[in-house]
Every structure is written in C-alpha cells, then in structure tokens.
Protein backbone atom coordinates (compact mmCIF):
# COMPACT_ATOMS: atom_id res chain seq x y z
CA MET A 1 0.00 0.00 0.00
CA ASP A 2 1.34 3.43 -0.99
CA ILE A 3 1.30 5.53 2.18
CA GLU A 4 1.60 8.79 0.24
CA GLN A 5 -1.46 7.91 -1.84
CA VAL A 6 -3.42 7.09 1.30
CA LEU A 7 -2.40 10.40 2.90
CA ARG A 8 -3.36 12.35 -0.24
CA GLY A 9 -6.83 10.84 -0.02
CA LEU A 10 -7.04 12.17 3.53
CA GLY A 11 -5.99 15.70 2.57
CA GLY A 12 -2.25 15.12 3.00
CA ALA A 13 -2.06 14.49 6.76
CA ALA A 14 -3.59 12.04 9.20
CA ARG A 15 -3.18 10.44 12.58
CA THR A 16 -1.36 7.13 12.63
CA GLY A 17 -4.42 5.41 14.10
CA THR A 18 -6.45 6.41 11.04
CA LEU A 19 -3.76 5.08 8.71
CA LEU A 20 -3.63 1.76 10.56
CA GLN A 21 -7.42 1.45 10.28
CA LEU A 22 -7.13 1.94 6.51
CA GLY A 23 -4.70 -0.95 6.18
CA VAL A 24 -1.29 0.69 6.41
CA THR A 25 0.98 -1.44 8.59
CA ALA A 26 3.08 -0.20 11.49
CA ALA A 27 6.20 -1.31 9.62
CA GLN A 28 5.20 0.81 6.62
CA LEU A 29 4.75 3.84 8.87
CA VAL A 30 8.22 3.39 10.35
CA ARG A 31 9.84 2.92 6.93
CA ALA A 32 8.06 5.98 5.49
CA VAL A 33 9.33 8.19 8.32
CA ARG A 34 12.87 6.84 8.26
CA SER A 35 13.12 7.22 4.47
CA ARG A 36 11.78 10.77 4.73
CA GLN A 37 8.88 9.87 2.47
CA VAL A 38 6.66 11.63 5.02
CA TRP A 39 7.27 13.85 8.04
CA GLN A 40 5.87 14.13 11.55
CA PRO A 41 4.29 17.49 12.41
CA GLY A 42 3.16 16.24 15.81
CA PRO A 43 2.79 13.15 17.99
CA ASP A 44 1.12 10.27 16.12
CA VAL A 45 0.59 12.42 13.02
CA LEU A 46 2.14 11.91 9.58
CA SER A 47 2.02 14.28 6.63
CA ILE A 48 3.24 14.39 3.06
CA TYR A 49 5.47 17.33 2.19
CA GLY A 50 3.47 20.28 0.88
CA ALA A 51 0.17 19.31 2.51
CA PRO A 52 -2.16 22.28 3.18
CA GLU A 53 -1.26 23.66 6.61
CA GLU A 54 -4.89 23.82 7.75
CA PHE A 55 -5.21 20.07 7.08
CA VAL A 56 -1.99 19.39 8.99
CA GLN A 57 -3.24 21.48 11.92
CA ALA A 58 -6.58 19.64 11.89
CA ALA A 59 -4.80 16.27 11.97
CA CYS A 60 -2.61 17.41 14.89
CA GLN A 61 -5.71 18.44 16.83
CA GLY A 62 -7.70 15.33 15.87
CA GLY A 63 -10.53 17.39 14.39
CA VAL A 64 -11.95 18.54 11.06
CA LEU A 65 -12.31 22.01 9.56
CA THR A 66 -15.73 23.56 10.03
CA CYS A 67 -17.56 26.89 10.17
CA VAL A 68 -15.70 29.67 8.31
CA SER A 69 -12.52 27.56 8.12
CA ALA A 70 -14.38 25.09 5.88
CA ALA A 71 -15.94 27.75 3.63
CA GLY A 72 -13.09 27.76 1.14
CA GLN A 73 -13.29 23.98 0.74
CA PHE A 74 -16.86 24.38 -0.57
CA GLY A 75 -16.15 27.52 -2.60
CA LEU A 76 -18.36 29.68 -0.36
CA TRP A 77 -18.12 33.41 0.22
CA ARG A 78 -16.64 34.70 3.44
CA VAL A 79 -16.12 38.25 4.61
CA ARG A 80 -12.61 37.80 6.00
CA GLU A 81 -9.99 35.18 6.72
CA PRO A 82 -10.49 33.67 10.20
CA ARG A 83 -7.76 34.50 12.69
CA GLN A 84 -8.19 31.13 14.36
CA LEU A 85 -8.87 27.69 12.95
CA HIS A 86 -12.42 26.44 13.51
CA LEU A 87 -12.44 22.70 14.26
CA ALA A 88 -15.10 20.13 15.11
CA PHE A 89 -14.63 16.74 16.72
CA PRO A 90 -16.59 13.56 15.90
CA GLN A 91 -16.69 12.40 19.51
CA GLN A 92 -18.59 15.50 20.64
CA ARG A 93 -22.34 15.36 19.97
CA ARG A 94 -23.71 18.54 21.53
CA LEU A 95 -24.79 21.11 18.94
CA GLY A 96 -22.91 24.34 19.47
CA HIS A 97 -19.39 25.62 19.87
CA GLU A 98 -17.05 25.96 22.77
CA PRO A 99 -15.85 29.25 24.31
CA CYS A 100 -13.27 31.07 22.20
CA ASP A 101 -11.34 34.32 22.04
CA GLU A 102 -12.81 35.78 18.86
CA PRO A 103 -13.74 39.42 19.67
CA ASP A 104 -17.32 38.99 18.45
CA HIS A 105 -17.91 35.85 20.49
CA GLU A 106 -19.17 35.82 24.03
CA ARG A 107 -16.46 34.13 26.08
CA ASP A 108 -12.74 33.38 26.13
CA ASN A 109 -11.31 29.97 25.41
CA GLU A 110 -10.11 27.92 28.32
CA PRO A 111 -6.35 27.33 28.04
CA HIS A 112 -5.34 24.08 26.37
CA ASP A 113 -2.26 22.05 27.05
CA GLU A 114 0.35 22.92 24.48
CA PRO A 115 0.92 19.96 22.11
CA VAL A 116 4.30 18.37 22.50
CA GLY A 117 6.31 18.22 19.26
CA ALA A 118 7.69 15.00 17.84
CA SER A 119 11.12 14.49 16.39
CA VAL A 120 11.17 14.90 12.63
CA PRO A 121 13.61 12.60 10.80
CA GLY A 122 14.29 14.96 7.94
CA PRO A 123 13.22 18.30 6.47
CA SER A 124 10.08 19.88 7.93
CA TYR A 125 8.33 23.20 8.18
CA SER A 126 10.66 24.88 10.64
CA SER A 127 7.95 27.42 11.50
CA PHE A 128 5.22 24.82 12.04
CA THR A 129 3.65 25.00 15.48
CA PRO A 130 0.50 23.11 16.45
CA LEU A 131 -2.29 25.50 17.43
CA ARG A 132 -2.87 26.20 21.10
CA HIS A 133 -6.30 27.86 20.85
CA PRO A 134 -8.40 26.71 17.92
CA ILE A 135 -12.11 27.49 18.11
CA LEU A 136 -13.80 24.23 19.07
CA HIS A 137 -17.22 23.30 17.71
CA SER A 138 -19.33 20.41 18.93
CA ARG A 139 -21.44 17.90 16.99
CA LEU A 140 -20.72 16.25 13.69
CA THR A 141 -23.56 14.44 11.95
CA ARG A 142 -21.14 12.74 9.56
CA PRO A 143 -17.42 12.60 10.41
CA ALA A 144 -15.28 13.34 7.38
CA ALA A 145 -14.30 10.24 5.38
CA GLY A 146 -11.64 11.97 3.29
CA PRO A 147 -9.88 15.30 3.86
CA PRO A 148 -10.49 16.72 7.37
CA VAL A 149 -13.51 18.86 6.48
CA ALA A 150 -16.93 18.69 8.13
CA ALA A 151 -20.04 17.98 6.08
CA LEU A 152 -21.47 21.15 4.56
CA GLU A 153 -24.58 21.10 6.74
CA ASP A 154 -22.46 20.89 9.89
CA ALA A 155 -20.20 23.72 8.70
CA LEU A 156 -23.21 25.96 7.98
CA ILE A 157 -24.87 25.20 11.33
CA HIS A 158 -21.61 25.99 13.13
CA ALA A 159 -21.31 29.25 11.18
CA LEU A 160 -24.85 30.28 12.13
CA LEU A 161 -24.12 29.60 15.81
CA CYS A 162 -20.67 31.14 15.80
CA LEU A 163 -20.11 34.05 13.41
CA PRO A 164 -21.32 37.66 13.74
CA MET A 165 -24.68 37.85 12.01
CA PRO A 166 -23.73 39.62 8.76
CA GLU A 167 -20.86 37.19 8.22
CA SER A 168 -22.93 34.07 8.86
CA VAL A 169 -25.61 35.30 6.44
CA VAL A 170 -22.96 35.84 3.74
CA LEU A 171 -21.64 32.29 4.12
CA VAL A 172 -25.05 30.59 4.25
CA GLU A 173 -26.53 32.65 1.41
CA SER A 174 -23.58 31.66 -0.75
CA ALA A 175 -24.44 27.99 -0.21
CA VAL A 176 -28.15 28.58 -0.82
CA ASN A 177 -27.43 30.51 -4.04
CA ARG A 178 -25.51 27.52 -5.37
CA GLY A 179 -28.23 25.05 -4.45
CA LEU A 180 -26.04 23.34 -1.85
CA ALA A 181 -28.39 23.97 1.08
CA THR A 182 -31.84 25.28 1.94
CA THR A 183 -32.89 27.54 4.78
CA ASP A 184 -35.76 25.17 5.65
CA LEU A 185 -33.41 22.23 6.20
CA LEU A 186 -30.97 24.33 8.23
CA ARG A 187 -33.82 25.68 10.36
CA GLN A 188 -35.12 22.16 11.03
CA THR A 189 -31.64 20.99 12.01
CA LEU A 190 -31.17 23.92 14.37
CA LEU A 191 -34.53 23.39 16.05
CA ALA A 192 -33.88 19.66 16.41
CA GLY A 193 -30.40 20.09 17.88
CA THR A 194 -30.66 23.16 20.10
CA ASP A 195 -32.93 24.86 22.58
CA ALA A 196 -34.53 27.60 20.46
CA ALA A 197 -34.75 29.82 23.55
CA THR A 198 -30.96 30.10 23.91
CA VAL A 199 -29.17 33.23 22.75
CA ARG A 200 -27.06 31.39 20.19
CA ALA A 201 -30.02 29.53 18.66
CA GLY A 202 -32.05 32.74 18.49
CA HIS A 203 -29.10 34.48 16.83
CA ALA A 204 -28.82 31.65 14.27
CA LEU A 205 -32.55 31.61 13.46
CA THR A 206 -32.56 35.39 13.00
CA ALA A 207 -29.62 35.08 10.62
CA LEU A 208 -31.52 32.47 8.58
CA ASP A 209 -34.45 34.89 8.24
CA LEU A 210 -32.05 37.38 6.60
CA VAL A 211 -30.95 34.93 3.88
CA HIS A 212 -32.44 35.89 0.50
CA PRO A 213 -31.14 33.97 -2.54
CA GLY A 214 -30.12 35.85 -5.65
CA SER A 215 -27.29 38.06 -4.42
CA SER A 216 -24.33 38.53 -6.74
CA SER A 217 -21.51 39.02 -4.22
CA ALA A 218 -20.54 38.75 -0.57
CA LEU A 219 -20.42 42.54 -0.34
CA GLU A 220 -23.99 42.84 -1.57
CA VAL A 221 -25.20 40.41 1.10
CA LEU A 222 -23.17 42.10 3.82
CA ALA A 223 -24.43 45.58 2.95
CA ARG A 224 -28.05 44.44 2.66
CA VAL A 225 -27.95 42.83 6.10
CA VAL A 226 -26.31 45.90 7.66
CA PHE A 227 -28.89 48.23 6.08
CA ARG A 228 -31.84 46.15 7.26
CA ARG A 229 -30.46 45.67 10.76
CA PHE A 230 -30.37 49.46 11.09
CA GLY A 231 -34.05 49.59 10.15
CA PHE A 232 -33.84 50.89 6.58
CA ASP A 233 -36.30 49.84 3.87
CA VAL A 234 -34.03 48.25 1.25
CA ALA A 235 -34.60 47.13 -2.34
CA THR A 236 -31.76 45.42 -4.23
CA GLN A 237 -30.81 45.45 -7.93
CA VAL A 238 -33.39 48.12 -8.81
CA TRP A 239 -33.93 49.48 -12.33
CA ILE A 240 -34.31 53.28 -12.38
CA CYS A 241 -35.24 55.00 -15.63
CA GLY A 242 -32.40 57.21 -16.83
CA VAL A 243 -29.97 55.65 -14.36
CA GLY A 244 -30.00 51.90 -14.96
CA VAL A 245 -29.73 49.06 -12.44
CA VAL A 246 -28.44 50.19 -9.04
CA ASP A 247 -27.15 48.03 -6.20
CA PHE A 248 -29.57 49.33 -3.58
CA LEU A 249 -32.44 51.77 -3.26
CA ILE A 250 -32.88 52.88 0.36
CA GLU A 251 -36.23 54.26 1.54
CA GLY A 252 -37.19 54.83 -2.08
CA CYS A 253 -34.98 57.90 -2.47
CA LEU A 254 -31.30 57.04 -1.89
CA ILE A 255 -29.24 55.06 -4.40
CA VAL A 256 -26.37 53.14 -2.80
CA GLU A 257 -23.59 51.75 -4.97
CA LEU A 258 -20.95 49.38 -3.57
CA ALA A 259 -17.22 49.64 -4.18
CA GLY A 260 -15.36 46.34 -3.75
CA PRO A 261 -11.99 45.91 -2.00
CA ASP A 262 -10.06 45.81 -5.28
CA VAL A 263 -11.64 48.87 -6.93
CA GLU A 264 -9.07 51.38 -8.19
CA LEU A 265 -10.31 54.91 -8.81
CA HIS A 266 -8.87 55.68 -12.24
CA LYS A 267 -9.97 58.76 -14.19
CA SER A 268 -12.48 56.66 -16.09
CA GLN A 269 -14.00 55.54 -12.79
CA PHE A 270 -14.29 59.13 -11.57
CA ARG A 271 -16.04 60.07 -14.82
CA ALA A 272 -18.43 57.13 -14.52
CA ASP A 273 -19.23 58.03 -10.91
CA PHE A 274 -19.79 61.66 -11.86
CA CYS A 275 -22.12 60.70 -14.70
CA LEU A 276 -24.02 58.30 -12.43
CA GLU A 277 -24.45 61.00 -9.80
CA LEU A 278 -25.74 63.49 -12.38
CA ALA A 279 -28.20 60.89 -13.71
CA ALA A 280 -29.38 60.07 -10.18
CA ILE A 281 -29.93 63.74 -9.30
CA ALA A 282 -31.79 64.31 -12.57
CA ALA A 283 -34.06 61.38 -11.71
CA GLY A 284 -34.70 62.78 -8.23
CA TYR A 285 -32.41 60.54 -6.18
CA ALA A 286 -29.37 61.08 -3.98
CA LEU A 287 -26.36 58.81 -4.52
CA LEU A 288 -24.02 57.32 -1.93
CA ARG A 289 -21.04 55.12 -2.79
CA VAL A 290 -20.09 52.69 0.00
CA PRO A 291 -16.55 51.23 0.14
CA TYR A 292 -16.04 47.60 1.09
CA THR A 293 -13.98 48.37 4.20
CA GLU A 294 -16.70 50.60 5.63
CA ALA A 295 -19.43 48.01 5.15
CA VAL A 296 -17.25 45.31 6.74
CA ASN A 297 -15.46 47.14 9.54
CA ARG A 298 -17.41 50.31 10.35
CA PRO A 299 -21.15 49.66 10.12
CA GLN A 300 -22.01 52.31 12.75
CA LEU A 301 -20.19 54.96 10.71
CA LEU A 302 -22.00 53.73 7.61
CA SER A 303 -25.34 54.08 9.40
CA GLY A 304 -24.61 57.74 10.15
CA ARG A 305 -23.62 58.43 6.53
CA LEU A 306 -26.80 56.76 5.30
CA ARG A 307 -29.02 58.85 7.55
CA ARG A 308 -27.35 62.07 6.40
CA ALA A 309 -27.59 61.04 2.75
CA LEU A 310 -31.24 60.10 3.22
CA GLY A 311 -31.97 63.68 4.26
CA GLU A 312 -30.55 64.85 0.95
CA GLY A 313 -32.46 62.14 -0.91
CA ARG A 314 -35.77 63.15 0.64
CA LEU A 315 -35.14 66.77 -0.36
CA LEU A 316 -34.50 65.73 -3.97
CA ALA A 317 -37.52 63.44 -3.99
CA GLY A 318 -39.76 66.07 -2.43
C-alpha cells in the first residue's frame, strides 16, 4: 500500500491510528518516516510534504475544519480570513461551539495544554507550530471520510451559531445561491439540535431569516444585512429609468452603490461616478457610494452616513 497515496486521499495528513485502520501497517509507517517519504508534524501524526497547513493542523488536533474555516473547501463566500482555525470533533455530539477568544464571540477559550512536538527525521516546516487555541465546535452528523472537512450542513450550522450575524448570512446565502443547502433544512436541524430559547439559537434563526437567494456578491449580502439591521427599507438590484440598475435603493430615495476591495479609482471611474451622480440627481435621487472596508469594519459609521444622505435624498424626492 502506498502511504503517500493514502495520505493524499485524507488531505495530506492524518493520525497514525487512522492510517492503521485503513490498512497501512506499522512497519510501513516506520519505513516511510525513516526514508523521509513523510514527516511528523506532531505526535502520532504523519504528513506528506506540501500538505495544506490547515489540514496538517486539523490532523494534529484530531478534528476537522468547520464553520468559516471550511468555507473555502466548498467555494463559499466569506467576509474575512479567520484568525483562528475552527475545528469540530466527531466524539462531541452537543450542537454548538465551545468558548473562544474571537472578539465577536461571548467568552474566552479555556487554556489548552500545548501539544508536544515530535522528532522529525528529515526536512520539515521549521515554523510549524500546532495550534494552542483553535475554536472548538461540537457535533458532527457525519465525520469526514476523506480530507479533514466537516459535512457542509455541519459547517453551515456551526457558522450560524458562531459568526457575527452579517458574516454568517454571507456564508449561508452563498451555499443557498448555489443550491447546496436550503434555509428550511438548516432551520429544522437547528430546532432539532438546540434549545430555540438560547441566545445562540435565536441568533442563528434570526440570521436564517435574513438569507435571501439571488445576491451577486458577498459585499452585496453584507451591505443588505447591515442596512436592514439598522431599520432601513431596502430594495436590491433596482432598475431606475435614466440611471440603470443600481445596487440598492434605500427608503425609495437614496441610491447606494458598492465599491469592492479591489476597486481602483482611475480617471475613467471618476467620470463614470460623476455621470451616475448626475443621472441620479436628474431622476430625483441622492447617490451614496459605500466602500467595502466601511461596510465590513465600520457599520455604525455607515449608518450615520446613510441617515445624512437620506436627508438629501428626501429633499431631492420632495
């Protein structure tokens, strides 16, 4: 049996117990390490060279990627890269997630024992250090059979229970848009696995109510959720005669256009913005352009700008 091939089927890294269960012999494990065919990132863990670091970390912890850490494996939108790895463990059955030190989460993680490194008989990632404080999620309906990634339904449920509301809506709506999940199924799973009266379950169910399929980008979802949470009447992808299709129409009088994180304001962009603003004013609307960073990081500031711009919009409409 080719140990490298087996490891590739598991994402590139696995615990030795898993390899033995799949038919690799103890002698093969020893030979592979001694010949530097594989390396040891931690106790009882083997990895091929070049394996994705998040898979190596998951193997060292004995868990699987979930929540926002699994989003990229399914090609789902996410607002930002997680600062900590989100892991779930098959042996834990309670639906939820453990205390963590994310700033938007409620409690701090309890300290974990620092994993003890294993000797590496050959080249290794000199900077590799097993994580001390991953975010721990409970409950897996189906433990991963291949690479260490939770089933999509588990990852979405964990995201709903864990992430700040705009970010969880972005991730779930991405899956719904692609036909990978439905809000009805996720709602049923939540109600079956949690006490709906808890804060986290209520937070998750509210997030599901904000999912509306058809969005074209993560930024559009994020902005729509922020606008509605501040109490604004919002219509998306609206056709306005003389203007064209706009990203948002707020309170029937304010056009909001989104600027993504990679937008560069060349002269042509300034001209286009100027022409759009003239067309909006001529049609009786105010125009506000919202940058990505403001929608993501400064929603309170954005709310103030919207309210001021709405005053101008109502004057133009009146």
